[in-house]
Amino acid sequence: MLDEGVATGCPLFLVAPEPLQQVARLLAAWDAIRAETSRLAPADARPVVADILSKRQALPSQWLALLTTRPVAAA
């Protein structure tokens, strides 16, 4: 049985190491976003951010399924 304090009110998933290693691309995408948008206004940065996330397969729609396939507990 899970401790009641763990992930209270949130779904909990079991994830193998391989998908977690792919999360590194998210970190690299955010590094690129910071570097490429640091001097841009928010309106100008928005398409740059979307392009970087898409090209690096870092949009939630591109990676979330990898991490949410094996539920351990429901919300």
PDB file of N, CA and C in Angstrom:
ATOM      1  N   MET A   1       0.846  -1.178   0.000  1.00  0.00           N
ATOM      2  CA  MET A   1       0.000   0.000   0.000  1.00  0.00           C
ATOM      3  C   MET A   1       0.888   1.238   0.000  1.00  0.00           C
ATOM      4  N   LEU A   2       0.479   2.242  -0.765  1.00  0.00           N
ATOM      5  CA  LEU A   2       1.239   3.479  -0.854  1.00  0.00           C
ATOM      6  C   LEU A   2       1.009   4.361   0.355  1.00  0.00           C
ATOM      7  N   ASP A   3       2.030   5.064   0.746  1.00  0.00           N
ATOM      8  CA  ASP A   3       1.934   6.048   1.811  1.00  0.00           C
ATOM      9  C   ASP A   3       0.946   7.123   1.384  1.00  0.00           C
ATOM     10  N   GLU A   4       0.031   7.502   2.212  1.00  0.00           N
ATOM     11  CA  GLU A   4      -0.986   8.507   1.889  1.00  0.00           C
ATOM     12  C   GLU A   4      -0.370   9.858   1.541  1.00  0.00           C
ATOM     13  N   GLY A   5       0.848  10.128   1.992  1.00  0.00           N
ATOM     14  CA  GLY A   5       1.486  11.411   1.719  1.00  0.00           C
ATOM     15  C   GLY A   5       2.119  11.489   0.334  1.00  0.00           C
ATOM     16  N   VAL A   6       2.254  10.368  -0.346  1.00  0.00           N
ATOM     17  CA  VAL A   6       2.887  10.340  -1.663  1.00  0.00           C
ATOM     18  C   VAL A   6       1.853  10.635  -2.733  1.00  0.00           C
ATOM     19  N   ALA A   7       2.112  11.673  -3.529  1.00  0.00           N
ATOM     20  CA  ALA A   7       1.275  12.030  -4.683  1.00  0.00           C
ATOM     21  C   ALA A   7      -0.190  12.191  -4.295  1.00  0.00           C
ATOM     22  N   THR A   8      -0.453  12.753  -3.146  1.00  0.00           N
ATOM     23  CA  THR A   8      -1.820  12.953  -2.704  1.00  0.00           C
ATOM     24  C   THR A   8      -2.568  13.815  -3.696  1.00  0.00           C
ATOM     25  N   GLY A   9      -3.676  13.314  -4.200  1.00  0.00           N
ATOM     26  CA  GLY A   9      -4.500  14.060  -5.132  1.00  0.00           C
ATOM     27  C   GLY A   9      -3.983  14.069  -6.555  1.00  0.00           C
ATOM     28  N   CYS A  10      -2.906  13.352  -6.832  1.00  0.00           N
ATOM     29  CA  CYS A  10      -2.332  13.302  -8.177  1.00  0.00           C
ATOM     30  C   CYS A  10      -2.171  11.853  -8.600  1.00  0.00           C
ATOM     31  N   PRO A  11      -2.307  11.577  -9.902  1.00  0.00           N
ATOM     32  CA  PRO A  11      -2.025  10.214 -10.346  1.00  0.00           C
ATOM     33  C   PRO A  11      -0.541   9.894 -10.161  1.00  0.00           C
ATOM     34  N   LEU A  12      -0.227   8.649  -9.954  1.00  0.00           N
ATOM     35  CA  LEU A  12       1.145   8.206  -9.753  1.00  0.00           C
ATOM     36  C   LEU A  12       1.444   7.127 -10.785  1.00  0.00           C
ATOM     37  N   PHE A  13       2.606   7.216 -11.457  1.00  0.00           N
ATOM     38  CA  PHE A  13       2.956   6.279 -12.508  1.00  0.00           C
ATOM     39  C   PHE A  13       4.315   5.658 -12.239  1.00  0.00           C
ATOM     40  N   LEU A  14       4.468   4.412 -12.662  1.00  0.00           N
ATOM     41  CA  LEU A  14       5.739   3.709 -12.610  1.00  0.00           C
ATOM     42  C   LEU A  14       6.391   3.886 -13.976  1.00  0.00           C
ATOM     43  N   VAL A  15       7.628   4.370 -14.003  1.00  0.00           N
ATOM     44  CA  VAL A  15       8.313   4.660 -15.259  1.00  0.00           C
ATOM     45  C   VAL A  15       9.663   3.957 -15.272  1.00  0.00           C
ATOM     46  N   ALA A  16       9.942   3.269 -16.377  1.00  0.00           N
ATOM     47  CA  ALA A  16      11.235   2.606 -16.556  1.00  0.00           C
ATOM     48  C   ALA A  16      12.325   3.656 -16.790  1.00  0.00           C
ATOM     49  N   PRO A  17      13.571   3.282 -16.612  1.00  0.00           N
ATOM     50  CA  PRO A  17      14.667   4.243 -16.785  1.00  0.00           C
ATOM     51  C   PRO A  17      14.780   4.822 -18.201  1.00  0.00           C
ATOM     52  N   GLU A  18      14.485   4.038 -19.223  1.00  0.00           N
ATOM     53  CA  GLU A  18      14.677   4.502 -20.589  1.00  0.00           C
ATOM     54  C   GLU A  18      13.862   5.761 -20.904  1.00  0.00           C
ATOM     55  N   PRO A  19      12.568   5.796 -20.626  1.00  0.00           N
ATOM     56  CA  PRO A  19      11.832   7.035 -20.891  1.00  0.00           C
ATOM     57  C   PRO A  19      12.347   8.220 -20.077  1.00  0.00           C
ATOM     58  N   LEU A  20      12.800   7.951 -18.870  1.00  0.00           N
ATOM     59  CA  LEU A  20      13.328   9.041 -18.058  1.00  0.00           C
ATOM     60  C   LEU A  20      14.603   9.618 -18.669  1.00  0.00           C
ATOM     61  N   GLN A  21      15.393   8.781 -19.315  1.00  0.00           N
ATOM     62  CA  GLN A  21      16.589   9.276 -19.983  1.00  0.00           C
ATOM     63  C   GLN A  21      16.209  10.224 -21.115  1.00  0.00           C
ATOM     64  N   GLN A  22      15.077   9.993 -21.734  1.00  0.00           N
ATOM     65  CA  GLN A  22      14.634  10.856 -22.823  1.00  0.00           C
ATOM     66  C   GLN A  22      14.205  12.228 -22.314  1.00  0.00           C
ATOM     67  N   VAL A  23      13.938  12.332 -21.035  1.00  0.00           N
ATOM     68  CA  VAL A  23      13.565  13.620 -20.457  1.00  0.00           C
ATOM     69  C   VAL A  23      14.738  14.605 -20.581  1.00  0.00           C
ATOM     70  N   ALA A  24      15.924  14.100 -20.774  1.00  0.00           N
ATOM     71  CA  ALA A  24      17.084  14.976 -20.960  1.00  0.00           C
ATOM     72  C   ALA A  24      16.868  15.913 -22.142  1.00  0.00           C
ATOM     73  N   ARG A  25      16.118  15.479 -23.150  1.00  0.00           N
ATOM     74  CA  ARG A  25      15.854  16.367 -24.290  1.00  0.00           C
ATOM     75  C   ARG A  25      15.008  17.563 -23.862  1.00  0.00           C
ATOM     76  N   LEU A  26      14.200  17.396 -22.829  1.00  0.00           N
ATOM     77  CA  LEU A  26      13.436  18.528 -22.311  1.00  0.00           C
ATOM     78  C   LEU A  26      14.364  19.565 -21.698  1.00  0.00           C
ATOM     79  N   LEU A  27      15.346  19.094 -20.959  1.00  0.00           N
ATOM     80  CA  LEU A  27      16.304  20.016 -20.351  1.00  0.00           C
ATOM     81  C   LEU A  27      17.102  20.746 -21.420  1.00  0.00           C
ATOM     82  N   ALA A  28      17.508  20.024 -22.453  1.00  0.00           N
ATOM     83  CA  ALA A  28      18.255  20.652 -23.543  1.00  0.00           C
ATOM     84  C   ALA A  28      17.386  21.675 -24.270  1.00  0.00           C
ATOM     85  N   ALA A  29      16.111  21.368 -24.432  1.00  0.00           N
ATOM     86  CA  ALA A  29      15.199  22.310 -25.090  1.00  0.00           C
ATOM     87  C   ALA A  29      15.078  23.586 -24.269  1.00  0.00           C
ATOM     88  N   TRP A  30      14.945  23.464 -22.961  1.00  0.00           N
ATOM     89  CA  TRP A  30      14.824  24.668 -22.126  1.00  0.00           C
ATOM     90  C   TRP A  30      16.114  25.479 -22.132  1.00  0.00           C
ATOM     91  N   ASP A  31      17.262  24.811 -22.192  1.00  0.00           N
ATOM     92  CA  ASP A  31      18.524  25.547 -22.319  1.00  0.00           C
ATOM     93  C   ASP A  31      18.544  26.351 -23.614  1.00  0.00           C
ATOM     94  N   ALA A  32      18.104  25.733 -24.709  1.00  0.00           N
ATOM     95  CA  ALA A  32      18.061  26.424 -26.001  1.00  0.00           C
ATOM     96  C   ALA A  32      17.057  27.576 -25.971  1.00  0.00           C
ATOM     97  N   ILE A  33      15.935  27.357 -25.323  1.00  0.00           N
ATOM     98  CA  ILE A  33      14.922  28.415 -25.212  1.00  0.00           C
ATOM     99  C   ILE A  33      15.488  29.611 -24.461  1.00  0.00           C
ATOM    100  N   ARG A  34      16.134  29.350 -23.347  1.00  0.00           N
ATOM    101  CA  ARG A  34      16.716  30.457 -22.582  1.00  0.00           C
ATOM    102  C   ARG A  34      17.741  31.219 -23.412  1.00  0.00           C
ATOM    103  N   ALA A  35      18.579  30.488 -24.142  1.00  0.00           N
ATOM    104  CA  ALA A  35      19.629  31.128 -24.932  1.00  0.00           C
ATOM    105  C   ALA A  35      19.055  31.937 -26.098  1.00  0.00           C
ATOM    106  N   GLU A  36      18.027  31.405 -26.747  1.00  0.00           N
ATOM    107  CA  GLU A  36      17.515  32.037 -27.963  1.00  0.00           C
ATOM    108  C   GLU A  36      16.442  33.091 -27.721  1.00  0.00           C
ATOM    109  N   THR A  37      15.894  33.153 -26.527  1.00  0.00           N
ATOM    110  CA  THR A  37      14.804  34.106 -26.289  1.00  0.00           C
ATOM    111  C   THR A  37      15.121  35.130 -25.200  1.00  0.00           C
ATOM    112  N   SER A  38      16.308  35.092 -24.671  1.00  0.00           N
ATOM    113  CA  SER A  38      16.620  35.963 -23.529  1.00  0.00           C
ATOM    114  C   SER A  38      16.434  37.447 -23.832  1.00  0.00           C
ATOM    115  N   ARG A  39      16.584  37.847 -25.065  1.00  0.00           N
ATOM    116  CA  ARG A  39      16.466  39.266 -25.409  1.00  0.00           C
ATOM    117  C   ARG A  39      15.209  39.574 -26.228  1.00  0.00           C
ATOM    118  N   LEU A  40      14.302  38.613 -26.300  1.00  0.00           N
ATOM    119  CA  LEU A  40      13.075  38.804 -27.082  1.00  0.00           C
ATOM    120  C   LEU A  40      11.908  39.191 -26.188  1.00  0.00           C
ATOM    121  N   ALA A  41      11.002  39.960 -26.753  1.00  0.00           N
ATOM    122  CA  ALA A  41       9.740  40.258 -26.066  1.00  0.00           C
ATOM    123  C   ALA A  41       8.902  38.977 -26.059  1.00  0.00           C
ATOM    124  N   PRO A  42       7.998  38.825 -25.097  1.00  0.00           N
ATOM    125  CA  PRO A  42       7.187  37.599 -25.027  1.00  0.00           C
ATOM    126  C   PRO A  42       6.492  37.257 -26.345  1.00  0.00           C
ATOM    127  N   ALA A  43       5.934  38.235 -27.011  1.00  0.00           N
ATOM    128  CA  ALA A  43       5.228  37.954 -28.271  1.00  0.00           C
ATOM    129  C   ALA A  43       6.191  37.438 -29.336  1.00  0.00           C
ATOM    130  N   ASP A  44       7.412  37.934 -29.352  1.00  0.00           N
ATOM    131  CA  ASP A  44       8.403  37.480 -30.322  1.00  0.00           C
ATOM    132  C   ASP A  44       8.993  36.125 -29.933  1.00  0.00           C
ATOM    133  N   ALA A  45       9.043  35.850 -28.635  1.00  0.00           N
ATOM    134  CA  ALA A  45       9.617  34.599 -28.150  1.00  0.00           C
ATOM    135  C   ALA A  45       8.682  33.407 -28.361  1.00  0.00           C
ATOM    136  N   ARG A  46       7.386  33.650 -28.337  1.00  0.00           N
ATOM    137  CA  ARG A  46       6.404  32.558 -28.403  1.00  0.00           C
ATOM    138  C   ARG A  46       6.639  31.613 -29.585  1.00  0.00           C
ATOM    139  N   PRO A  47       6.777  32.091 -30.836  1.00  0.00           N
ATOM    140  CA  PRO A  47       6.996  31.148 -31.941  1.00  0.00           C
ATOM    141  C   PRO A  47       8.360  30.456 -31.866  1.00  0.00           C
ATOM    142  N   VAL A  48       9.349  31.123 -31.302  1.00  0.00           N
ATOM    143  CA  VAL A  48      10.671  30.516 -31.143  1.00  0.00           C
ATOM    144  C   VAL A  48      10.582  29.355 -30.160  1.00  0.00           C
ATOM    145  N   VAL A  49       9.886  29.572 -29.065  1.00  0.00           N
ATOM    146  CA  VAL A  49       9.709  28.521 -28.054  1.00  0.00           C
ATOM    147  C   VAL A  49       8.970  27.332 -28.660  1.00  0.00           C
ATOM    148  N   ALA A  50       7.889  27.581 -29.354  1.00  0.00           N
ATOM    149  CA  ALA A  50       7.114  26.492 -29.964  1.00  0.00           C
ATOM    150  C   ALA A  50       7.959  25.709 -30.955  1.00  0.00           C
ATOM    151  N   ASP A  51       8.757  26.408 -31.747  1.00  0.00           N
ATOM    152  CA  ASP A  51       9.604  25.742 -32.739  1.00  0.00           C
ATOM    153  C   ASP A  51      10.655  24.868 -32.065  1.00  0.00           C
ATOM    154  N   ILE A  52      11.302  25.392 -31.046  1.00  0.00           N
ATOM    155  CA  ILE A  52      12.336  24.626 -30.332  1.00  0.00           C
ATOM    156  C   ILE A  52      11.727  23.382 -29.690  1.00  0.00           C
ATOM    157  N   LEU A  53      10.610  23.546 -28.997  1.00  0.00           N
ATOM    158  CA  LEU A  53       9.980  22.397 -28.334  1.00  0.00           C
ATOM    159  C   LEU A  53       9.562  21.332 -29.347  1.00  0.00           C
ATOM    160  N   SER A  54       9.015  21.763 -30.459  1.00  0.00           N
ATOM    161  CA  SER A  54       8.577  20.818 -31.483  1.00  0.00           C
ATOM    162  C   SER A  54       9.760  20.076 -32.101  1.00  0.00           C
ATOM    163  N   LYS A  55      10.782  20.809 -32.496  1.00  0.00           N
ATOM    164  CA  LYS A  55      11.943  20.190 -33.144  1.00  0.00           C
ATOM    165  C   LYS A  55      12.683  19.231 -32.227  1.00  0.00           C
ATOM    166  N   ARG A  56      12.666  19.496 -30.944  1.00  0.00           N
ATOM    167  CA  ARG A  56      13.385  18.645 -29.986  1.00  0.00           C
ATOM    168  C   ARG A  56      12.485  17.579 -29.362  1.00  0.00           C
ATOM    169  N   GLN A  57      11.277  17.410 -29.934  1.00  0.00           N
ATOM    170  CA  GLN A  57      10.325  16.418 -29.409  1.00  0.00           C
ATOM    171  C   GLN A  57      10.079  16.635 -27.927  1.00  0.00           C
ATOM    172  N   ALA A  58       9.910  17.901 -27.551  1.00  0.00           N
ATOM    173  CA  ALA A  58       9.763  18.248 -26.143  1.00  0.00           C
ATOM    174  C   ALA A  58       8.391  18.815 -25.805  1.00  0.00           C
ATOM    175  N   LEU A  59       7.459  18.761 -26.748  1.00  0.00           N
ATOM    176  CA  LEU A  59       6.088  19.176 -26.432  1.00  0.00           C
ATOM    177  C   LEU A  59       5.433  18.084 -25.592  1.00  0.00           C
ATOM    178  N   PRO A  60       4.618  18.458 -24.619  1.00  0.00           N
ATOM    179  CA  PRO A  60       3.957  17.426 -23.802  1.00  0.00           C
ATOM    180  C   PRO A  60       3.251  16.367 -24.642  1.00  0.00           C
ATOM    181  N   SER A  61       2.658  16.757 -25.746  1.00  0.00           N
ATOM    182  CA  SER A  61       1.968  15.783 -26.600  1.00  0.00           C
ATOM    183  C   SER A  61       2.944  14.787 -27.224  1.00  0.00           C
ATOM    184  N   GLN A  62       4.227  15.121 -27.242  1.00  0.00           N
ATOM    185  CA  GLN A  62       5.234  14.251 -27.836  1.00  0.00           C
ATOM    186  C   GLN A  62       5.901  13.320 -26.820  1.00  0.00           C
ATOM    187  N   TRP A  63       5.790  13.609 -25.529  1.00  0.00           N
ATOM    188  CA  TRP A  63       6.484  12.762 -24.558  1.00  0.00           C
ATOM    189  C   TRP A  63       5.637  12.288 -23.384  1.00  0.00           C
ATOM    190  N   LEU A  64       4.526  12.921 -23.126  1.00  0.00           N
ATOM    191  CA  LEU A  64       3.748  12.581 -21.933  1.00  0.00           C
ATOM    192  C   LEU A  64       3.301  11.115 -21.909  1.00  0.00           C
ATOM    193  N   ALA A  65       2.940  10.575 -23.053  1.00  0.00           N
ATOM    194  CA  ALA A  65       2.494   9.175 -23.097  1.00  0.00           C
ATOM    195  C   ALA A  65       3.583   8.210 -22.646  1.00  0.00           C
ATOM    196  N   LEU A  66       4.840   8.563 -22.866  1.00  0.00           N
ATOM    197  CA  LEU A  66       5.941   7.701 -22.423  1.00  0.00           C
ATOM    198  C   LEU A  66       5.970   7.541 -20.911  1.00  0.00           C
ATOM    199  N   LEU A  67       5.506   8.561 -20.202  1.00  0.00           N
ATOM    200  CA  LEU A  67       5.608   8.563 -18.747  1.00  0.00           C
ATOM    201  C   LEU A  67       4.316   8.187 -18.037  1.00  0.00           C
ATOM    202  N   THR A  68       3.253   8.004 -18.773  1.00  0.00           N
ATOM    203  CA  THR A  68       1.954   7.775 -18.133  1.00  0.00           C
ATOM    204  C   THR A  68       1.278   6.484 -18.606  1.00  0.00           C
ATOM    205  N   THR A  69       2.062   5.474 -18.954  1.00  0.00           N
ATOM    206  CA  THR A  69       1.477   4.243 -19.442  1.00  0.00           C
ATOM    207  C   THR A  69       1.239   3.197 -18.343  1.00  0.00           C
ATOM    208  N   ARG A  70       1.917   3.309 -17.213  1.00  0.00           N
ATOM    209  CA  ARG A  70       1.794   2.301 -16.156  1.00  0.00           C
ATOM    210  C   ARG A  70       1.336   2.945 -14.848  1.00  0.00           C
ATOM    211  N   PRO A  71       0.029   3.179 -14.701  1.00  0.00           N
ATOM    212  CA  PRO A  71      -0.444   3.811 -13.461  1.00  0.00           C
ATOM    213  C   PRO A  71      -0.225   2.895 -12.249  1.00  0.00           C
ATOM    214  N   VAL A  72       0.150   3.518 -11.161  1.00  0.00           N
ATOM    215  CA  VAL A  72       0.318   2.818  -9.889  1.00  0.00           C
ATOM    216  C   VAL A  72      -0.856   3.159  -8.986  1.00  0.00           C
ATOM    217  N   ALA A  73      -1.280   4.420  -9.048  1.00  0.00           N
ATOM    218  CA  ALA A  73      -2.406   4.859  -8.219  1.00  0.00           C
ATOM    219  C   ALA A  73      -3.148   5.959  -8.959  1.00  0.00           C
ATOM    220  N   ALA A  74      -4.447   6.006  -8.803  1.00  0.00           N
ATOM    221  CA  ALA A  74      -5.264   7.049  -9.397  1.00  0.00           C
ATOM    222  C   ALA A  74      -5.302   8.262  -8.473  1.00  0.00           C
ATOM    223  N   ALA A  75      -5.745   9.366  -9.046  1.00  0.00           N
ATOM    224  CA  ALA A  75      -5.847  10.605  -8.252  1.00  0.00           C
ATOM    225  C   ALA A  75      -6.901  10.474  -7.192  1.00  0.00           C
TER     226      ALA A  75
END
